[in-house]
Amino acid sequence: MHQSEEKKQLKLEDYWAIVRRRRWWLIAPLFLGWAMVIGATWSIPAMYRSETLIIVEQQKVPEHYVVPNVAADLQQRLQSMTQQILSRTRLQGIIQTFHLYTGEQGVADPESMVERMRQDIKIDLVPTPGRPGELTAFKISYSARTPMLAQQVTGELTSLFIEENLRNRQQQSEDTTAFLQNQLEDARKDLAQQEQRLREFKTKYLGQLPEQLQSNVQILAGLQAQLQAASEARDHAQQQKLYLESLLQQNRALRSAAAADSASAATPSSLDDELDKLKAQYADLSTRYTESHPDVVRLKQQIASTEKLLKKQSDTDIKAGKGSATASRVAQVGPMAQVEGQLKANELEISNRTDEVKRLQTEIDQYRGRLNLTPVREEELSSITRDHEQSKENYQSLLAKKMQSELATNLERRQQGEQFRIIDPPSLPRKPYFPDRFKMSLAGVALGLVLSLGLTAAMETVAPRIHKEEDLRDLIPAPVLAAIPSLLTADEQQQQRRFMWLESAAAAGLLILIPALTFLVYRSG
């Protein structure tokens, strides 16, 4: 028998026969499963969700004119603002304003209300179309028991986000400007110290600075030229002194000779000898030096003076004769007084020239010392100048940043910077988003089908019956000789037909009720 059951294959008419026999085992569980699920959905409180779309509107002035102080991206700023707005203090104020979660099960203490409201608030970032990774908008939604309450709370949250964004941006911009102001003040003080240090260094080492090197070299060259000229003038004065002293000695010798022998007729030849000696020296120097050489010039002057004296003596001898030689020698006393005056003036000139040479030598030593110290001062000045330039650059950089930050702060105060603007105002929901009764209805139909098919299969398997001749042949190998049909009276047949009509109407009503109610649930939300 088991082998015959395993070999037996059900046909389409067999399945139709099972449906007819087990129709109530198919319809009743289907309806009951669907009814239980749809009934449960109606017992769950409906939740309505209001949603708004906020776009991030860029600042009205182009960024290449005014650079904003707030550089954080939208996601970071939203996270910061979300933490501030979803704080316990803020949410408790909204809960008290709108009387949220009053009388709900499991929401009794303030902390539970705050936690429940955080779960009902949802913030979603909206990516920019065509720009992956760039976010320029976000959505705020809130779930409540009534559509109006959901809309009101969403509007309140939206206002908080907009106000918080304006306040945060303005506060951050003002803090940035204040910070730059403090840094600029410190930089100004540091720059003033560096400038004072530079001034003190230049004042202390005036004349040894690198920029004075060229002038020092020129001054030193001029002093050396002056020293050479002063030295040559002093030497010339000293030679002139020797010459004048020799003239005075000759004059004294003549005066002594005139006093010892007034009758002597002999004419002294000392001037001729001196003139010959000077001419010999002049001839020797002319072969070695030019006419402009100081020694050559000096000798020419001495020769001219000697010739002048010799001419005066000759004139005197011719007029007075040999008998008056002594008187002519005495007459030379007047020119010799002039020579003594020249000698005193010459000594004064030598003294002045000597002082001038000493002074020039001292100044030359000073300028040489300055030139020797110039590399040291250059290194020291380079370090001071470098610190001064760094302080100056830092001050100028902070000054530019501070002015830029003030522009950005003024832009935020006038609310012309980056702002949150509402694109879609908070919606007034018409249908609850939870529970989704249409999906729950479909899930109830699926559950009813599973139950009905399972029970029908179980009944066919657990309680098998013989319904036709083929079933009997499968169980007993003996042939069927006769079949007794169902014998019903006219009343029984009429009653059976009436029952079938009622049964068909009930089944049809149940089968029509399920999709009709599902459609109504879908339309009503």
Protein backbone atom coordinates (compact mmCIF):
# COMPACT_ATOMS: atom_id res chain seq x y z
CA MET A 1 0.00 0.00 0.00
CA HIS A 2 2.84 2.30 0.86
CA GLN A 3 4.53 1.53 -2.40
CA SER A 4 1.31 2.34 -4.27
CA GLU A 5 0.99 5.65 -2.38
CA GLU A 6 4.55 6.57 -3.25
CA LYS A 7 3.99 5.78 -6.90
CA LYS A 8 0.71 7.68 -7.06
CA GLN A 9 0.96 11.11 -8.68
CA LEU A 10 -1.73 13.73 -8.09
CA LYS A 11 -3.26 15.35 -11.09
CA LEU A 12 -4.92 18.71 -11.49
CA GLU A 13 -8.38 17.23 -10.87
CA ASP A 14 -7.05 15.66 -7.70
CA TYR A 15 -5.95 19.04 -6.39
CA TRP A 16 -9.29 20.52 -7.35
CA ALA A 17 -11.03 17.73 -5.47
CA ILE A 18 -8.92 18.49 -2.38
CA VAL A 19 -9.85 22.17 -2.60
CA ARG A 20 -13.50 21.30 -2.80
CA ARG A 21 -13.29 18.89 0.09
CA ARG A 22 -11.11 21.11 2.33
CA ARG A 23 -12.49 24.49 1.25
CA TRP A 24 -13.21 25.63 4.77
CA TRP A 25 -9.80 24.48 5.93
CA LEU A 26 -8.42 26.79 3.27
CA ILE A 27 -10.74 29.78 3.69
CA ALA A 28 -11.08 29.89 7.47
CA PRO A 29 -7.35 29.92 8.40
CA LEU A 30 -6.66 32.39 5.60
CA PHE A 31 -9.28 34.78 6.93
CA LEU A 32 -8.33 34.24 10.57
CA GLY A 33 -4.62 34.81 9.95
CA TRP A 34 -5.30 37.97 8.00
CA ALA A 35 -7.83 39.18 10.58
CA MET A 36 -5.42 38.66 13.47
CA VAL A 37 -2.61 40.59 11.76
CA ILE A 38 -4.84 43.46 10.57
CA GLY A 39 -6.47 43.66 13.98
CA ALA A 40 -3.07 43.87 15.64
CA THR A 41 -2.07 46.73 13.36
CA TRP A 42 -5.13 48.74 14.36
CA SER A 43 -4.24 48.26 18.02
CA ILE A 44 -0.76 49.80 17.47
CA PRO A 45 -0.75 53.62 17.86
CA ALA A 46 -0.15 55.40 14.58
CA MET A 47 2.99 57.54 14.20
CA TYR A 48 3.17 60.48 11.80
CA ARG A 49 6.45 61.84 10.47
CA SER A 50 6.95 65.46 9.37
CA GLU A 51 9.98 66.26 7.25
CA THR A 52 11.74 69.42 6.05
CA LEU A 53 14.60 70.01 3.62
CA ILE A 54 17.28 72.61 4.41
CA ILE A 55 19.88 73.71 1.90
CA VAL A 56 23.22 75.29 2.73
CA GLU A 57 23.25 78.65 0.94
CA GLN A 58 26.71 80.01 0.19
CA GLN A 59 27.72 83.51 1.29
CA LYS A 60 26.57 86.38 -0.89
CA VAL A 61 30.07 87.89 -1.32
CA PRO A 62 32.47 85.73 -3.39
CA GLU A 63 35.09 83.94 -1.34
CA HIS A 64 38.02 85.41 -3.28
CA TYR A 65 36.96 88.80 -1.83
CA VAL A 66 36.08 87.69 1.71
CA VAL A 67 37.38 84.37 3.00
CA PRO A 68 35.05 82.96 5.71
CA ASN A 69 36.43 82.17 9.16
CA VAL A 70 34.37 78.96 9.40
CA ALA A 71 36.10 76.26 7.37
CA ALA A 72 34.54 73.06 8.77
CA ASP A 73 32.51 71.01 6.32
CA LEU A 74 28.77 70.51 6.58
CA GLN A 75 28.95 67.06 8.14
CA GLN A 76 31.22 68.15 10.99
CA ARG A 77 29.18 71.25 11.67
CA LEU A 78 25.94 69.24 11.67
CA GLN A 79 27.40 66.78 14.13
CA SER A 80 28.39 69.62 16.44
CA MET A 81 25.03 71.39 16.13
CA THR A 82 23.13 68.12 16.54
CA GLN A 83 24.92 67.43 19.83
CA GLN A 84 24.03 70.92 21.04
CA ILE A 85 20.39 70.85 19.92
CA LEU A 86 19.79 67.28 21.13
CA SER A 87 21.16 68.12 24.55
CA ARG A 88 18.99 67.33 27.54
CA THR A 89 18.27 71.00 28.32
CA ARG A 90 17.12 71.85 24.80
CA LEU A 91 14.93 68.77 24.42
CA GLN A 92 13.32 69.18 27.83
CA GLY A 93 12.32 72.70 26.83
CA ILE A 94 10.65 71.41 23.64
CA ILE A 95 8.95 68.59 25.55
CA GLN A 96 7.49 71.03 28.05
CA THR A 97 6.41 73.46 25.34
CA PHE A 98 4.48 70.89 23.28
CA HIS A 99 3.55 68.53 26.16
CA LEU A 100 5.14 65.55 24.45
CA TYR A 101 4.94 61.91 25.63
CA THR A 102 2.38 62.67 28.31
CA GLY A 103 0.71 59.49 29.56
CA GLU A 104 2.63 57.09 27.29
CA GLN A 105 3.67 53.75 28.65
CA GLY A 106 7.34 53.39 29.49
CA VAL A 107 7.91 57.17 29.32
CA ALA A 108 7.52 58.50 32.83
CA ASP A 109 10.69 60.28 33.96
CA PRO A 110 12.33 63.23 32.12
CA GLU A 111 15.37 61.18 31.09
CA SER A 112 13.15 58.61 29.36
CA MET A 113 11.29 61.40 27.55
CA VAL A 114 14.54 62.92 26.32
CA GLU A 115 15.82 59.55 25.12
CA ARG A 116 12.51 58.83 23.38
CA MET A 117 12.58 62.20 21.62
CA ARG A 118 16.14 61.58 20.42
CA GLN A 119 14.92 58.35 18.85
CA ASP A 120 12.03 60.15 17.13
CA ILE A 121 14.33 62.81 15.62
CA LYS A 122 16.11 61.88 12.42
CA ILE A 123 18.70 63.92 10.52
CA ASP A 124 19.80 62.78 7.05
CA LEU A 125 22.43 64.32 4.80
CA VAL A 126 21.46 64.84 1.18
CA PRO A 127 24.29 64.26 -1.35
CA THR A 128 24.68 66.72 -4.21
CA PRO A 129 23.62 65.21 -7.56
CA GLY A 130 26.59 64.64 -9.83
CA ARG A 131 29.10 65.43 -7.07
CA PRO A 132 29.88 62.34 -5.03
CA GLY A 133 30.99 63.08 -1.50
CA GLU A 134 29.77 66.70 -1.53
CA LEU A 135 26.94 67.58 0.82
CA THR A 136 24.96 70.80 0.45
CA ALA A 137 21.63 69.96 2.09
CA PHE A 138 20.11 67.88 4.89
CA LYS A 139 16.71 66.71 6.09
CA ILE A 140 15.16 66.98 9.55
CA SER A 141 12.22 64.76 10.49
CA TYR A 142 10.26 64.09 13.66
CA SER A 143 7.71 61.39 14.49
CA ALA A 144 4.65 62.09 16.66
CA ARG A 145 1.17 60.71 17.42
CA THR A 146 -0.63 63.44 15.46
CA PRO A 147 0.25 65.09 12.14
CA MET A 148 -0.03 68.62 13.54
CA LEU A 149 2.26 67.87 16.47
CA ALA A 150 4.85 66.31 14.17
CA GLN A 151 4.78 69.40 11.96
CA GLN A 152 5.09 71.82 14.88
CA VAL A 153 7.99 70.01 16.50
CA THR A 154 9.79 69.70 13.15
CA GLY A 155 9.37 73.42 12.62
CA GLU A 156 10.80 74.11 16.07
CA LEU A 157 13.79 71.87 15.39
CA THR A 158 14.35 73.58 12.05
CA SER A 159 14.35 77.01 13.72
CA LEU A 160 16.85 75.76 16.30
CA PHE A 161 19.21 74.51 13.60
CA ILE A 162 19.02 77.78 11.64
CA GLU A 163 19.51 79.93 14.74
CA GLU A 164 22.28 77.70 16.06
CA ASN A 165 24.10 77.88 12.73
CA LEU A 166 23.94 81.69 12.69
CA ARG A 167 25.01 81.95 16.31
CA ASN A 168 27.85 79.43 15.97
CA ARG A 169 29.23 81.02 12.81
CA GLN A 170 29.09 84.52 14.27
CA GLN A 171 30.60 83.38 17.57
CA GLN A 172 33.36 81.42 15.85
CA SER A 173 34.14 84.34 13.56
CA GLU A 174 34.24 86.79 16.49
CA ASP A 175 36.46 84.42 18.47
CA THR A 176 38.80 84.16 15.50
CA THR A 177 38.98 87.95 15.18
CA ALA A 178 39.63 88.34 18.92
CA PHE A 179 42.36 85.71 18.80
CA LEU A 180 44.03 87.41 15.85
CA GLN A 181 43.75 90.77 17.65
CA ASN A 182 45.60 89.35 20.67
CA GLN A 183 48.23 87.76 18.44
CA LEU A 184 48.61 91.02 16.52
CA GLU A 185 49.14 92.96 19.75
CA ASP A 186 51.85 90.52 20.83
CA ALA A 187 53.43 90.75 17.38
CA ARG A 188 53.35 94.56 17.56
CA LYS A 189 55.14 94.55 20.92
CA ASP A 190 57.72 92.10 19.61
CA LEU A 191 58.26 94.24 16.48
CA ALA A 192 58.71 97.35 18.65
CA GLN A 193 61.32 95.52 20.74
CA GLN A 194 63.16 94.39 17.62
CA GLU A 195 63.10 97.92 16.18
CA GLN A 196 64.41 99.35 19.48
CA ARG A 197 67.14 96.72 19.51
CA LEU A 198 68.10 97.61 15.93
CA ARG A 199 68.19 101.34 16.71
CA GLU A 200 70.33 100.82 19.80
CA PHE A 201 72.76 98.65 17.86
CA LYS A 202 73.13 101.21 15.05
CA THR A 203 73.54 104.03 17.54
CA LYS A 204 76.13 102.14 19.59
CA TYR A 205 78.23 101.02 16.62
CA LEU A 206 77.80 104.06 14.39
CA GLY A 207 80.65 104.11 11.89
CA GLN A 208 81.20 100.34 12.08
CA LEU A 209 78.04 99.31 10.23
CA PRO A 210 78.26 97.35 6.98
CA GLU A 211 76.40 100.02 5.01
CA GLN A 212 79.13 102.52 6.04
CA LEU A 213 81.95 100.36 4.71
CA GLN A 214 82.28 102.19 1.39
CA SER A 215 82.20 105.62 3.01
CA ASN A 216 84.78 104.51 5.59
CA VAL A 217 87.05 103.27 2.82
CA GLN A 218 86.72 106.58 0.99
CA ILE A 219 87.31 108.59 4.16
CA LEU A 220 90.34 106.44 4.99
CA ALA A 221 91.77 107.01 1.51
CA GLY A 222 91.23 110.77 1.91
CA LEU A 223 92.88 110.76 5.34
CA GLN A 224 95.86 108.84 4.00
CA ALA A 225 96.20 111.37 1.17
CA GLN A 226 95.99 114.21 3.72
CA LEU A 227 98.56 112.44 5.89
CA GLN A 228 100.95 112.11 2.97
CA ALA A 229 100.50 115.78 2.05
CA ALA A 230 100.94 116.89 5.69
CA SER A 231 104.06 114.73 6.06
CA GLU A 232 105.55 116.16 2.88
CA ALA A 233 104.72 119.70 4.01
CA ARG A 234 106.33 119.04 7.40
CA ASP A 235 109.47 117.65 5.74
CA HIS A 236 109.64 120.65 3.43
CA ALA A 237 109.27 122.99 6.42
CA GLN A 238 112.05 121.16 8.24
CA GLN A 239 114.36 121.51 5.22
CA GLN A 240 113.46 125.19 4.95
CA LYS A 241 114.30 125.52 8.63
CA LEU A 242 117.75 124.03 8.06
CA TYR A 243 118.34 126.45 5.22
CA LEU A 244 117.27 129.47 7.23
CA GLU A 245 119.43 128.35 10.16
CA SER A 246 122.41 128.09 7.84
CA LEU A 247 121.76 131.62 6.60
CA LEU A 248 121.61 132.87 10.17
CA GLN A 249 124.89 131.13 10.97
CA GLN A 250 126.51 132.75 7.92
CA ASN A 251 125.14 136.12 8.99
CA ARG A 252 126.59 135.72 12.45
CA ALA A 253 129.94 134.77 10.95
CA LEU A 254 129.93 137.90 8.77
CA ARG A 255 129.05 140.13 11.68
CA SER A 256 131.86 138.60 13.76
CA ALA A 257 134.35 139.13 10.93
CA ALA A 258 133.25 142.76 10.52
CA ALA A 259 133.75 143.46 14.20
CA ALA A 260 137.24 141.82 14.34
CA ASP A 261 138.74 143.36 11.23
CA SER A 262 136.94 146.43 9.93
CA ALA A 263 139.86 147.20 7.52
CA SER A 264 139.89 143.90 5.89
CA ALA A 265 139.26 144.26 2.21
CA ALA A 266 138.79 140.67 1.56
CA THR A 267 135.35 139.76 0.17
CA PRO A 268 133.84 136.62 1.83
CA SER A 269 133.16 133.84 -0.53
CA SER A 270 130.87 131.86 1.75
CA LEU A 271 127.79 132.82 -0.26
CA ASP A 272 129.44 131.77 -3.50
CA ASP A 273 130.44 128.48 -1.96
CA GLU A 274 126.93 127.94 -0.65
CA LEU A 275 125.47 128.83 -4.07
CA ASP A 276 127.79 126.39 -5.79
CA LYS A 277 126.87 123.66 -3.32
CA LEU A 278 123.14 124.24 -3.87
CA LYS A 279 123.51 124.21 -7.64
CA ALA A 280 125.41 120.92 -7.44
CA GLN A 281 122.61 119.39 -5.33
CA TYR A 282 120.02 120.74 -7.79
CA ALA A 283 121.86 119.19 -10.73
CA ASP A 284 122.04 115.86 -8.92
CA LEU A 285 118.31 115.84 -8.00
CA SER A 286 117.24 116.95 -11.49
CA THR A 287 118.65 113.76 -12.91
CA ARG A 288 116.46 111.65 -10.58
CA TYR A 289 113.25 113.66 -10.03
CA THR A 290 110.96 115.91 -11.98
CA GLU A 291 110.69 119.69 -11.56
CA SER A 292 107.55 119.28 -9.42
CA HIS A 293 109.28 117.13 -6.81
CA PRO A 294 109.28 118.83 -3.39
CA ASP A 295 113.07 118.53 -2.93
CA VAL A 296 113.73 120.01 -6.38
CA VAL A 297 111.34 122.89 -5.70
CA ARG A 298 112.95 123.52 -2.32
CA LEU A 299 116.46 123.67 -3.80
CA LYS A 300 115.29 126.08 -6.49
CA GLN A 301 113.89 128.38 -3.80
CA GLN A 302 117.17 128.18 -1.79
CA ILE A 303 119.23 128.94 -4.93
CA ALA A 304 117.03 131.92 -5.71
CA SER A 305 117.37 133.28 -2.15
CA THR A 306 121.18 132.81 -2.15
CA GLU A 307 121.53 134.52 -5.51
CA LYS A 308 119.44 137.42 -4.22
CA LEU A 309 121.68 137.84 -1.17
CA LEU A 310 124.81 137.58 -3.28
CA LYS A 311 123.53 140.27 -5.67
CA LYS A 312 122.79 142.64 -2.80
CA GLN A 313 126.34 142.16 -1.47
CA SER A 314 127.88 142.79 -4.87
CA ASP A 315 125.90 145.99 -5.31
CA THR A 316 127.06 147.20 -1.92
CA ASP A 317 130.70 146.47 -2.73
CA ILE A 318 130.53 148.37 -6.02
CA LYS A 319 129.02 151.52 -4.43
CA ALA A 320 131.12 151.73 -1.31
CA GLY A 321 134.37 150.23 -2.62
CA LYS A 322 136.70 148.04 -0.81
CA GLY A 323 137.20 150.61 1.97
CA SER A 324 133.60 150.29 3.00
CA ALA A 325 133.43 146.42 3.13
CA THR A 326 132.85 146.43 6.82
CA ALA A 327 129.96 148.85 6.50
CA SER A 328 128.32 146.67 3.83
CA ARG A 329 128.53 143.66 6.07
CA VAL A 330 126.84 145.55 8.86
CA ALA A 331 124.16 146.60 6.36
CA GLN A 332 123.19 142.93 6.01
CA VAL A 333 121.66 142.96 9.49
CA GLY A 334 118.23 144.12 8.14
CA PRO A 335 117.66 141.16 5.74
CA MET A 336 118.82 138.74 8.43
CA ALA A 337 116.05 139.93 10.75
CA GLN A 338 113.64 138.99 8.03
CA VAL A 339 115.22 135.54 7.88
CA GLU A 340 114.81 135.14 11.64
CA GLY A 341 111.08 135.98 11.26
CA GLN A 342 110.81 133.41 8.52
CA LEU A 343 112.52 130.88 10.76
CA LYS A 344 110.04 131.45 13.59
CA ALA A 345 107.15 131.13 11.17
CA ASN A 346 108.75 127.99 9.82
CA GLU A 347 109.03 126.50 13.32
CA LEU A 348 105.35 127.28 13.93
CA GLU A 349 104.44 125.61 10.65
CA ILE A 350 106.47 122.53 11.59
CA SER A 351 104.65 122.35 14.92
CA ASN A 352 101.25 122.65 13.21
CA ARG A 353 102.15 120.09 10.61
CA THR A 354 103.38 117.70 13.29
CA ASP A 355 100.09 118.06 15.20
CA GLU A 356 98.16 117.57 11.98
CA VAL A 357 100.13 114.41 11.20
CA LYS A 358 99.40 113.04 14.67
CA ARG A 359 95.72 113.87 14.35
CA LEU A 360 95.46 112.30 10.91
CA GLN A 361 97.31 109.23 12.12
CA THR A 362 94.86 108.89 15.01
CA GLU A 363 91.87 109.22 12.70
CA ILE A 364 93.37 106.70 10.27
CA ASP A 365 93.82 104.23 13.14
CA GLN A 366 90.19 104.78 14.14
CA TYR A 367 88.88 104.14 10.62
CA ARG A 368 91.13 101.12 10.23
CA GLY A 369 89.70 99.79 13.47
CA ARG A 370 86.18 100.39 12.14
CA LEU A 371 87.01 98.52 8.95
CA ASN A 372 88.45 95.62 10.93
CA LEU A 373 85.31 95.42 13.09
CA THR A 374 82.91 95.70 10.14
CA PRO A 375 82.68 91.88 9.53
CA VAL A 376 81.86 91.31 13.21
CA ARG A 377 79.23 94.05 13.22
CA GLU A 378 77.85 92.70 9.94
CA GLU A 379 77.30 89.27 11.49
CA GLU A 380 75.70 90.77 14.59
CA LEU A 381 73.55 93.12 12.51
CA SER A 382 72.52 90.23 10.25
CA SER A 383 71.16 88.32 13.26
CA ILE A 384 69.32 91.39 14.58
CA THR A 385 68.00 92.26 11.12
CA ARG A 386 66.80 88.69 10.55
CA ASP A 387 64.86 88.74 13.81
CA HIS A 388 63.46 92.15 12.90
CA GLU A 389 62.36 90.99 9.44
CA GLN A 390 60.72 87.88 10.90
CA SER A 391 58.85 89.99 13.43
CA LYS A 392 57.85 92.43 10.70
CA GLU A 393 56.62 89.66 8.38
CA ASN A 394 54.72 88.04 11.25
CA TYR A 395 53.11 91.36 12.15
CA GLN A 396 52.14 92.12 8.55
CA SER A 397 50.75 88.61 8.09
CA LEU A 398 48.69 88.81 11.28
CA LEU A 399 47.51 92.30 10.33
CA ALA A 400 46.26 91.05 6.95
CA LYS A 401 44.59 88.03 8.58
CA LYS A 402 42.97 90.21 11.22
CA MET A 403 41.57 92.61 8.62
CA GLN A 404 40.30 89.64 6.60
CA SER A 405 38.73 88.16 9.73
CA GLU A 406 37.02 91.45 10.53
CA LEU A 407 35.48 91.47 7.06
CA ALA A 408 34.24 87.91 7.56
CA THR A 409 32.86 88.81 11.00
CA ASN A 410 30.98 91.81 9.63
CA LEU A 411 29.60 89.56 6.90
CA GLU A 412 28.32 87.11 9.52
CA ARG A 413 26.82 89.90 11.63
CA ARG A 414 24.89 91.15 8.64
CA GLN A 415 23.79 87.57 7.95
CA GLN A 416 25.31 87.62 4.50
CA GLY A 417 27.55 84.64 5.08
CA GLU A 418 26.76 80.98 4.65
CA GLN A 419 23.21 80.26 5.88
CA PHE A 420 20.68 77.46 6.21
CA ARG A 421 17.64 78.12 4.04
CA ILE A 422 14.43 76.08 4.10
CA ILE A 423 13.63 74.58 0.71
CA ASP A 424 10.70 72.40 1.77
CA PRO A 425 8.88 73.61 4.91
CA PRO A 426 7.85 71.05 7.53
CA SER A 427 5.23 68.82 5.93
CA LEU A 428 1.82 67.98 7.38
CA PRO A 429 1.65 64.17 7.02
CA ARG A 430 -1.64 62.70 5.84
CA LYS A 431 -0.80 59.05 6.48
CA PRO A 432 1.07 57.46 9.35
CA TYR A 433 4.44 56.04 8.47
CA PHE A 434 4.10 53.38 11.20
CA PRO A 435 2.54 50.92 11.27
CA ASP A 436 2.29 50.37 7.50
CA ARG A 437 -1.14 48.72 7.50
CA PHE A 438 -1.07 47.89 3.81
CA LYS A 439 2.13 45.89 4.19
CA MET A 440 0.81 44.38 7.38
CA SER A 441 -2.38 43.38 5.52
CA LEU A 442 -0.36 41.68 2.83
CA ALA A 443 1.68 39.99 5.54
CA GLY A 444 -1.61 38.80 7.12
CA VAL A 445 -2.72 37.32 3.79
CA ALA A 446 0.61 35.54 3.49
CA LEU A 447 0.31 34.24 7.04
CA GLY A 448 -3.27 33.03 6.35
CA LEU A 449 -2.15 31.21 3.21
CA VAL A 450 0.60 29.46 5.10
CA LEU A 451 -1.81 28.42 7.82
CA SER A 452 -4.53 27.24 5.40
CA LEU A 453 -2.18 25.28 3.18
CA GLY A 454 -0.43 23.77 6.17
CA LEU A 455 -3.63 22.68 7.86
CA THR A 456 -5.05 21.29 4.61
CA ALA A 457 -1.91 19.30 3.94
CA ALA A 458 -1.93 18.04 7.50
CA MET A 459 -5.56 16.91 7.30
CA GLU A 460 -4.95 15.11 4.03
CA THR A 461 -1.93 13.36 5.48
CA VAL A 462 -3.13 12.53 8.99
CA ALA A 463 -6.74 11.50 8.16
CA PRO A 464 -6.76 9.93 4.69
CA ARG A 465 -10.11 8.81 3.26
CA ILE A 466 -11.33 6.93 0.20
CA HIS A 467 -13.17 9.34 -2.04
CA LYS A 468 -13.24 7.51 -5.42
CA GLU A 469 -12.72 4.17 -7.09
CA GLU A 470 -9.07 4.84 -7.89
CA ASP A 471 -8.30 5.37 -4.22
CA LEU A 472 -9.80 1.96 -3.41
CA ARG A 473 -7.86 0.24 -6.15
CA ASP A 474 -4.70 1.74 -4.84
CA LEU A 475 -5.41 0.23 -1.44
CA ILE A 476 -6.88 -3.16 -2.46
CA PRO A 477 -5.69 -5.06 -5.53
CA ALA A 478 -9.15 -6.71 -5.92
CA PRO A 479 -11.40 -5.32 -8.63
CA VAL A 480 -14.46 -3.21 -7.77
CA LEU A 481 -17.64 -5.06 -8.69
CA ALA A 482 -20.28 -2.35 -7.98
CA ALA A 483 -20.70 1.20 -6.59
CA ILE A 484 -23.68 2.42 -4.53
CA PRO A 485 -24.56 6.05 -5.28
CA SER A 486 -25.80 8.59 -2.71
CA LEU A 487 -29.57 8.26 -2.33
CA LEU A 488 -31.19 11.56 -1.18
CA THR A 489 -34.81 12.59 -0.97
CA ALA A 490 -36.12 15.75 -2.65
CA ASP A 491 -36.08 17.69 0.61
CA GLU A 492 -32.54 16.60 1.36
CA GLN A 493 -31.41 17.62 -2.11
CA GLN A 494 -33.08 21.05 -1.77
CA GLN A 495 -31.57 21.51 1.66
CA GLN A 496 -28.18 20.50 0.32
CA ARG A 497 -28.45 23.01 -2.54
CA ARG A 498 -29.48 25.75 -0.11
CA PHE A 499 -26.50 24.98 2.11
CA MET A 500 -24.16 25.03 -0.84
CA TRP A 501 -25.46 28.46 -1.86
CA LEU A 502 -25.00 29.80 1.65
CA GLU A 503 -21.62 28.23 1.87
CA SER A 504 -20.58 29.68 -1.49
CA ALA A 505 -21.87 33.12 -0.52
CA ALA A 506 -19.99 33.04 2.78
CA ALA A 507 -16.80 31.91 1.13
CA ALA A 508 -17.11 34.51 -1.59
CA GLY A 509 -17.83 37.20 1.00
CA LEU A 510 -14.74 36.27 2.98
CA LEU A 511 -12.56 36.12 -0.12
CA ILE A 512 -13.87 39.49 -1.31
CA LEU A 513 -13.57 41.07 2.14
CA ILE A 514 -9.83 40.47 2.38
CA PRO A 515 -8.76 42.39 -0.81
CA ALA A 516 -11.43 45.03 -0.28
CA LEU A 517 -10.24 45.87 3.22
CA THR A 518 -6.62 45.70 2.07
CA PHE A 519 -7.37 48.22 -0.68
CA LEU A 520 -9.12 50.52 1.78
CA VAL A 521 -6.18 50.28 4.16
CA TYR A 522 -3.85 51.20 1.30
CA ARG A 523 -5.95 54.21 0.34
CA SER A 524 -6.37 55.41 3.90
CA GLY A 525 -2.74 54.83 4.84
